[in-house]
Amino acid sequence: CEIVIPDPIIIEYKEALIFALLGALYMADQPSCLSSVTGASRDNIGGMLFKV
């Protein structure tokens, strides 16, 4: 087993990276909340998009 420590910049911005991933999944109409993980009855796409 190899332990990989990411660059400090990745650690510092991990929350922003996750939200970017969630946004990309939303824009691609891909579910981000999986029933196999959450226990929900079905997968769903969380969030909303507001255009201003």
PDB file of N, CA and C in Angstrom:
ATOM      1  N   CYS A   1       0.843  -1.173   0.000  1.00  0.00           N
ATOM      2  CA  CYS A   1       0.000   0.000   0.000  1.00  0.00           C
ATOM      3  C   CYS A   1       0.892   1.240   0.000  1.00  0.00           C
ATOM      4  N   GLU A   2       0.635   2.128  -0.918  1.00  0.00           N
ATOM      5  CA  GLU A   2       1.407   3.365  -1.013  1.00  0.00           C
ATOM      6  C   GLU A   2       0.552   4.535  -0.542  1.00  0.00           C
ATOM      7  N   ILE A   3       1.099   5.334   0.334  1.00  0.00           N
ATOM      8  CA  ILE A   3       0.407   6.523   0.815  1.00  0.00           C
ATOM      9  C   ILE A   3       0.868   7.709  -0.019  1.00  0.00           C
ATOM     10  N   VAL A   4      -0.098   8.394  -0.632  1.00  0.00           N
ATOM     11  CA  VAL A   4       0.208   9.543  -1.471  1.00  0.00           C
ATOM     12  C   VAL A   4      -0.315  10.793  -0.776  1.00  0.00           C
ATOM     13  N   ILE A   5       0.554  11.739  -0.529  1.00  0.00           N
ATOM     14  CA  ILE A   5       0.161  13.004   0.077  1.00  0.00           C
ATOM     15  C   ILE A   5       0.057  14.037  -1.041  1.00  0.00           C
ATOM     16  N   PRO A   6      -1.145  14.610  -1.242  1.00  0.00           N
ATOM     17  CA  PRO A   6      -1.318  15.577  -2.328  1.00  0.00           C
ATOM     18  C   PRO A   6      -0.578  16.880  -2.063  1.00  0.00           C
ATOM     19  N   ASP A   7      -0.425  17.653  -3.119  1.00  0.00           N
ATOM     20  CA  ASP A   7       0.205  18.971  -2.987  1.00  0.00           C
ATOM     21  C   ASP A   7      -0.585  19.821  -1.998  1.00  0.00           C
ATOM     22  N   PRO A   8       0.073  20.719  -1.291  1.00  0.00           N
ATOM     23  CA  PRO A   8      -0.629  21.599  -0.341  1.00  0.00           C
ATOM     24  C   PRO A   8      -1.745  22.421  -0.987  1.00  0.00           C
ATOM     25  N   ILE A   9      -1.586  22.799  -2.251  1.00  0.00           N
ATOM     26  CA  ILE A   9      -2.617  23.597  -2.929  1.00  0.00           C
ATOM     27  C   ILE A   9      -3.912  22.801  -3.072  1.00  0.00           C
ATOM     28  N   ILE A  10      -3.805  21.509  -3.332  1.00  0.00           N
ATOM     29  CA  ILE A  10      -4.990  20.654  -3.442  1.00  0.00           C
ATOM     30  C   ILE A  10      -5.666  20.521  -2.086  1.00  0.00           C
ATOM     31  N   ILE A  11      -4.877  20.349  -1.053  1.00  0.00           N
ATOM     32  CA  ILE A  11      -5.434  20.248   0.297  1.00  0.00           C
ATOM     33  C   ILE A  11      -6.144  21.544   0.668  1.00  0.00           C
ATOM     34  N   GLU A  12      -5.539  22.673   0.346  1.00  0.00           N
ATOM     35  CA  GLU A  12      -6.102  23.979   0.701  1.00  0.00           C
ATOM     36  C   GLU A  12      -7.436  24.242   0.003  1.00  0.00           C
ATOM     37  N   TYR A  13      -7.581  23.771  -1.229  1.00  0.00           N
ATOM     38  CA  TYR A  13      -8.773  24.081  -2.019  1.00  0.00           C
ATOM     39  C   TYR A  13      -9.666  22.873  -2.260  1.00  0.00           C
ATOM     40  N   LYS A  14      -9.606  21.869  -1.391  1.00  0.00           N
ATOM     41  CA  LYS A  14     -10.383  20.646  -1.616  1.00  0.00           C
ATOM     42  C   LYS A  14     -11.888  20.900  -1.638  1.00  0.00           C
ATOM     43  N   GLU A  15     -12.384  21.820  -0.806  1.00  0.00           N
ATOM     44  CA  GLU A  15     -13.817  22.114  -0.805  1.00  0.00           C
ATOM     45  C   GLU A  15     -14.242  22.746  -2.131  1.00  0.00           C
ATOM     46  N   ALA A  16     -13.439  23.648  -2.648  1.00  0.00           N
ATOM     47  CA  ALA A  16     -13.744  24.272  -3.937  1.00  0.00           C
ATOM     48  C   ALA A  16     -13.738  23.228  -5.051  1.00  0.00           C
ATOM     49  N   LEU A  17     -12.818  22.280  -4.988  1.00  0.00           N
ATOM     50  CA  LEU A  17     -12.761  21.220  -5.996  1.00  0.00           C
ATOM     51  C   LEU A  17     -14.020  20.358  -5.957  1.00  0.00           C
ATOM     52  N   ILE A  18     -14.482  20.040  -4.758  1.00  0.00           N
ATOM     53  CA  ILE A  18     -15.691  19.227  -4.626  1.00  0.00           C
ATOM     54  C   ILE A  18     -16.906  19.968  -5.189  1.00  0.00           C
ATOM     55  N   PHE A  19     -17.029  21.268  -4.870  1.00  0.00           N
ATOM     56  CA  PHE A  19     -18.164  22.030  -5.395  1.00  0.00           C
ATOM     57  C   PHE A  19     -18.076  22.176  -6.910  1.00  0.00           C
ATOM     58  N   ALA A  20     -16.885  22.276  -7.453  1.00  0.00           N
ATOM     59  CA  ALA A  20     -16.724  22.315  -8.911  1.00  0.00           C
ATOM     60  C   ALA A  20     -17.176  20.995  -9.526  1.00  0.00           C
ATOM     61  N   LEU A  21     -16.832  19.881  -8.880  1.00  0.00           N
ATOM     62  CA  LEU A  21     -17.273  18.570  -9.354  1.00  0.00           C
ATOM     63  C   LEU A  21     -18.795  18.468  -9.304  1.00  0.00           C
ATOM     64  N   LEU A  22     -19.400  18.914  -8.204  1.00  0.00           N
ATOM     65  CA  LEU A  22     -20.860  18.872  -8.098  1.00  0.00           C
ATOM     66  C   LEU A  22     -21.513  19.723  -9.185  1.00  0.00           C
ATOM     67  N   GLY A  23     -20.945  20.882  -9.478  1.00  0.00           N
ATOM     68  CA  GLY A  23     -21.467  21.735 -10.540  1.00  0.00           C
ATOM     69  C   GLY A  23     -21.342  21.085 -11.902  1.00  0.00           C
ATOM     70  N   ALA A  24     -20.219  20.438 -12.152  1.00  0.00           N
ATOM     71  CA  ALA A  24     -20.014  19.756 -13.433  1.00  0.00           C
ATOM     72  C   ALA A  24     -20.996  18.598 -13.589  1.00  0.00           C
ATOM     73  N   LEU A  25     -21.228  17.849 -12.515  1.00  0.00           N
ATOM     74  CA  LEU A  25     -22.207  16.759 -12.572  1.00  0.00           C
ATOM     75  C   LEU A  25     -23.602  17.306 -12.857  1.00  0.00           C
ATOM     76  N   TYR A  26     -23.952  18.424 -12.223  1.00  0.00           N
ATOM     77  CA  TYR A  26     -25.258  19.044 -12.453  1.00  0.00           C
ATOM     78  C   TYR A  26     -25.408  19.455 -13.916  1.00  0.00           C
ATOM     79  N   MET A  27     -24.403  20.120 -14.458  1.00  0.00           N
ATOM     80  CA  MET A  27     -24.464  20.592 -15.845  1.00  0.00           C
ATOM     81  C   MET A  27     -24.529  19.433 -16.840  1.00  0.00           C
ATOM     82  N   ALA A  28     -23.987  18.269 -16.454  1.00  0.00           N
ATOM     83  CA  ALA A  28     -24.006  17.094 -17.327  1.00  0.00           C
ATOM     84  C   ALA A  28     -25.227  16.202 -17.071  1.00  0.00           C
ATOM     85  N   ASP A  29     -26.169  16.685 -16.230  1.00  0.00           N
ATOM     86  CA  ASP A  29     -27.365  15.904 -15.868  1.00  0.00           C
ATOM     87  C   ASP A  29     -27.015  14.539 -15.285  1.00  0.00           C
ATOM     88  N   GLN A  30     -25.962  14.505 -14.490  1.00  0.00           N
ATOM     89  CA  GLN A  30     -25.538  13.278 -13.826  1.00  0.00           C
ATOM     90  C   GLN A  30     -25.876  13.371 -12.340  1.00  0.00           C
ATOM     91  N   PRO A  31     -26.346  12.289 -11.740  1.00  0.00           N
ATOM     92  CA  PRO A  31     -26.682  12.338 -10.321  1.00  0.00           C
ATOM     93  C   PRO A  31     -25.443  12.534  -9.452  1.00  0.00           C
ATOM     94  N   SER A  32     -25.612  13.345  -8.414  1.00  0.00           N
ATOM     95  CA  SER A  32     -24.520  13.556  -7.461  1.00  0.00           C
ATOM     96  C   SER A  32     -24.847  12.933  -6.110  1.00  0.00           C
ATOM     97  N   CYS A  33     -26.101  12.573  -5.909  1.00  0.00           N
ATOM     98  CA  CYS A  33     -26.542  11.913  -4.677  1.00  0.00           C
ATOM     99  C   CYS A  33     -26.961  10.496  -5.048  1.00  0.00           C
ATOM    100  N   LEU A  34     -26.118   9.534  -4.735  1.00  0.00           N
ATOM    101  CA  LEU A  34     -26.365   8.155  -5.143  1.00  0.00           C
ATOM    102  C   LEU A  34     -27.119   7.397  -4.058  1.00  0.00           C
ATOM    103  N   SER A  35     -28.174   6.695  -4.462  1.00  0.00           N
ATOM    104  CA  SER A  35     -28.990   5.964  -3.495  1.00  0.00           C
ATOM    105  C   SER A  35     -28.190   4.880  -2.779  1.00  0.00           C
ATOM    106  N   SER A  36     -27.196   4.314  -3.437  1.00  0.00           N
ATOM    107  CA  SER A  36     -26.378   3.278  -2.805  1.00  0.00           C
ATOM    108  C   SER A  36     -25.540   3.832  -1.661  1.00  0.00           C
ATOM    109  N   VAL A  37     -25.324   5.136  -1.656  1.00  0.00           N
ATOM    110  CA  VAL A  37     -24.534   5.782  -0.604  1.00  0.00           C
ATOM    111  C   VAL A  37     -25.442   6.418   0.445  1.00  0.00           C
ATOM    112  N   THR A  38     -26.518   7.075  -0.013  1.00  0.00           N
ATOM    113  CA  THR A  38     -27.366   7.852   0.896  1.00  0.00           C
ATOM    114  C   THR A  38     -28.499   7.047   1.517  1.00  0.00           C
ATOM    115  N   GLY A  39     -28.856   5.926   0.905  1.00  0.00           N
ATOM    116  CA  GLY A  39     -29.994   5.152   1.385  1.00  0.00           C
ATOM    117  C   GLY A  39     -31.321   5.665   0.844  1.00  0.00           C
ATOM    118  N   ALA A  40     -31.286   6.655  -0.040  1.00  0.00           N
ATOM    119  CA  ALA A  40     -32.505   7.195  -0.647  1.00  0.00           C
ATOM    120  C   ALA A  40     -33.119   6.153  -1.583  1.00  0.00           C
ATOM    121  N   SER A  41     -34.362   6.373  -1.959  1.00  0.00           N
ATOM    122  CA  SER A  41     -35.043   5.410  -2.828  1.00  0.00           C
ATOM    123  C   SER A  41     -34.543   5.459  -4.268  1.00  0.00           C
ATOM    124  N   ARG A  42     -33.917   6.581  -4.657  1.00  0.00           N
ATOM    125  CA  ARG A  42     -33.381   6.693  -6.022  1.00  0.00           C
ATOM    126  C   ARG A  42     -32.249   7.720  -6.055  1.00  0.00           C
ATOM    127  N   ASP A  43     -31.444   7.652  -7.102  1.00  0.00           N
ATOM    128  CA  ASP A  43     -30.395   8.646  -7.321  1.00  0.00           C
ATOM    129  C   ASP A  43     -31.052   9.981  -7.650  1.00  0.00           C
ATOM    130  N   ASN A  44     -30.392  11.078  -7.322  1.00  0.00           N
ATOM    131  CA  ASN A  44     -30.940  12.369  -7.711  1.00  0.00           C
ATOM    132  C   ASN A  44     -29.835  13.371  -8.002  1.00  0.00           C
ATOM    133  N   ILE A  45     -30.236  14.424  -8.683  1.00  0.00           N
ATOM    134  CA  ILE A  45     -29.335  15.519  -9.026  1.00  0.00           C
ATOM    135  C   ILE A  45     -29.663  16.663  -8.087  1.00  0.00           C
ATOM    136  N   GLY A  46     -28.748  16.986  -7.191  1.00  0.00           N
ATOM    137  CA  GLY A  46     -28.994  18.039  -6.216  1.00  0.00           C
ATOM    138  C   GLY A  46     -28.605  19.398  -6.763  1.00  0.00           C
ATOM    139  N   GLY A  47     -29.271  20.423  -6.255  1.00  0.00           N
ATOM    140  CA  GLY A  47     -28.890  21.781  -6.598  1.00  0.00           C
ATOM    141  C   GLY A  47     -29.829  22.442  -7.581  1.00  0.00           C
ATOM    142  N   MET A  48     -29.548  23.709  -7.831  1.00  0.00           N
ATOM    143  CA  MET A  48     -30.320  24.526  -8.764  1.00  0.00           C
ATOM    144  C   MET A  48     -29.356  25.438  -9.508  1.00  0.00           C
ATOM    145  N   LEU A  49     -29.782  25.883 -10.668  1.00  0.00           N
ATOM    146  CA  LEU A  49     -28.988  26.821 -11.447  1.00  0.00           C
ATOM    147  C   LEU A  49     -29.812  28.084 -11.645  1.00  0.00           C
ATOM    148  N   PHE A  50     -29.267  29.195 -11.221  1.00  0.00           N
ATOM    149  CA  PHE A  50     -29.923  30.491 -11.392  1.00  0.00           C
ATOM    150  C   PHE A  50     -29.121  31.309 -12.388  1.00  0.00           C
ATOM    151  N   LYS A  51     -29.768  31.752 -13.440  1.00  0.00           N
ATOM    152  CA  LYS A  51     -29.111  32.612 -14.420  1.00  0.00           C
ATOM    153  C   LYS A  51     -29.516  34.045 -14.140  1.00  0.00           C
ATOM    154  N   VAL A  52     -28.533  34.923 -14.056  1.00  0.00           N
ATOM    155  CA  VAL A  52     -28.814  36.342 -13.823  1.00  0.00           C
ATOM    156  C   VAL A  52     -28.340  37.178 -14.975  1.00  0.00           C
TER     157      VAL A  52
END
